[in-house]
Protein backbone atom coordinates (compact mmCIF):
# COMPACT_ATOMS: atom_id res chain seq x y z
CA MET A 1 -0.01 -0.05 -0.03
CA LEU A 2 1.42 3.36 -0.95
CA THR A 3 0.15 6.78 0.27
CA PHE A 4 0.42 9.88 -1.94
CA GLY A 5 -1.02 12.89 -0.07
CA HIS A 6 -4.51 11.82 0.77
CA ALA A 7 -4.69 9.10 -1.80
CA VAL A 8 -3.97 5.43 -0.71
CA LEU A 9 -2.97 3.00 -3.47
CA ASP A 10 -3.37 -0.61 -2.92
CA LEU A 11 -0.78 -2.12 -5.32
CA VAL A 12 -1.34 -5.77 -6.17
CA MET A 13 1.64 -7.53 -7.55
CA THR A 14 1.93 -10.98 -8.85
CA ASN A 15 4.11 -13.56 -7.40
CA LYS A 16 6.29 -13.28 -10.55
CA GLN A 17 6.65 -9.49 -9.87
CA LEU A 18 7.46 -10.01 -6.19
CA ASN A 19 9.94 -12.75 -6.69
CA THR A 20 11.66 -10.79 -9.53
CA ALA A 21 11.82 -7.76 -7.35
CA PHE A 22 13.26 -9.66 -4.33
CA PHE A 23 16.00 -11.15 -6.51
CA THR A 24 17.02 -7.70 -7.67
CA ILE A 25 17.53 -6.34 -4.24
CA ILE A 26 19.51 -9.10 -2.72
CA ASP A 27 23.29 -9.74 -3.30
CA GLU A 28 24.40 -12.46 -5.84
CA LYS A 29 25.66 -14.78 -3.21
CA THR A 30 22.28 -14.98 -1.39
CA LYS A 31 20.45 -15.26 -4.69
CA MET A 32 22.47 -18.19 -5.66
CA GLU A 33 22.14 -19.86 -2.39
CA ILE A 34 18.37 -19.55 -2.54
CA LEU A 35 18.20 -20.81 -6.13
CA GLY A 36 20.58 -23.61 -5.27
CA GLU A 37 18.22 -24.87 -2.52
CA ILE A 38 15.22 -24.67 -4.81
CA ALA A 39 17.15 -26.41 -7.62
CA LYS A 40 18.22 -29.27 -5.20
CA HIS A 41 14.74 -29.76 -3.88
CA TYR A 42 13.15 -29.96 -7.32
CA GLY A 43 16.01 -31.73 -9.11
CA ILE A 44 16.76 -28.95 -11.49
CA ASN A 45 19.53 -26.37 -12.08
CA LYS A 46 19.71 -22.90 -10.83
CA SER A 47 18.69 -21.33 -14.15
CA GLU A 48 15.55 -23.57 -14.11
CA ALA A 49 14.89 -22.58 -10.55
CA LEU A 50 14.99 -18.86 -11.42
CA GLU A 51 12.71 -19.56 -14.44
CA GLU A 52 10.26 -21.38 -12.17
CA VAL A 53 9.99 -18.65 -9.50
CA THR A 54 9.77 -15.82 -12.04
CA ASP A 55 7.23 -17.52 -14.31
CA GLU A 56 3.82 -16.03 -14.95
CA GLU A 57 2.33 -18.96 -12.79
CA ALA A 58 5.03 -18.68 -10.01
CA GLU A 59 3.94 -19.32 -6.36
CA ASN A 60 5.25 -17.08 -3.46
CA LEU A 61 8.94 -17.47 -3.20
CA LEU A 62 8.63 -18.87 0.32
CA ASP A 63 6.55 -21.69 -0.96
CA TYR A 64 9.58 -23.14 -2.75
CA LEU A 65 11.74 -23.00 0.44
CA THR A 66 12.03 -24.94 3.57
CA GLY A 67 13.99 -24.66 6.89
CA ARG A 68 16.65 -22.14 7.65
CA ILE A 69 16.77 -20.83 4.07
CA ARG A 70 13.09 -20.11 4.18
CA ASN A 71 13.47 -18.30 7.48
CA ALA A 72 16.33 -16.34 6.19
CA ALA A 73 14.53 -15.25 2.93
CA SER A 74 11.50 -14.32 4.94
CA ALA A 75 13.55 -12.06 7.28
CA ILE A 76 15.17 -10.43 4.20
CA MET A 77 11.76 -9.92 2.64
CA LYS A 78 10.48 -8.20 5.77
CA ARG A 79 13.53 -6.11 6.21
CA HIS A 80 12.78 -4.85 2.56
CA GLY A 81 9.17 -4.21 3.05
CA PHE A 82 7.71 -7.11 1.34
CA SER A 83 4.26 -7.72 3.07
CA ASN A 84 3.55 -11.25 1.81
CA CYS A 85 6.20 -12.98 3.83
């Protein structure tokens, strides 16, 4: 939700947009660690994992993660103002 003067805008972003935005704000090492965990879990490579989480039909990024990496990603998302984590 954004506020401009008296107007309040409720911006609805798709999971594709949210996941893509998240990967643009984090450092490359963290990005590769997250994609590596997704790739390992689904038996794919990191490029395919990135394609999966930024596809039009992507789920919330946290839905692809488990354990400590999920908790870490959620903390990073909250720190950067993502409200869906």
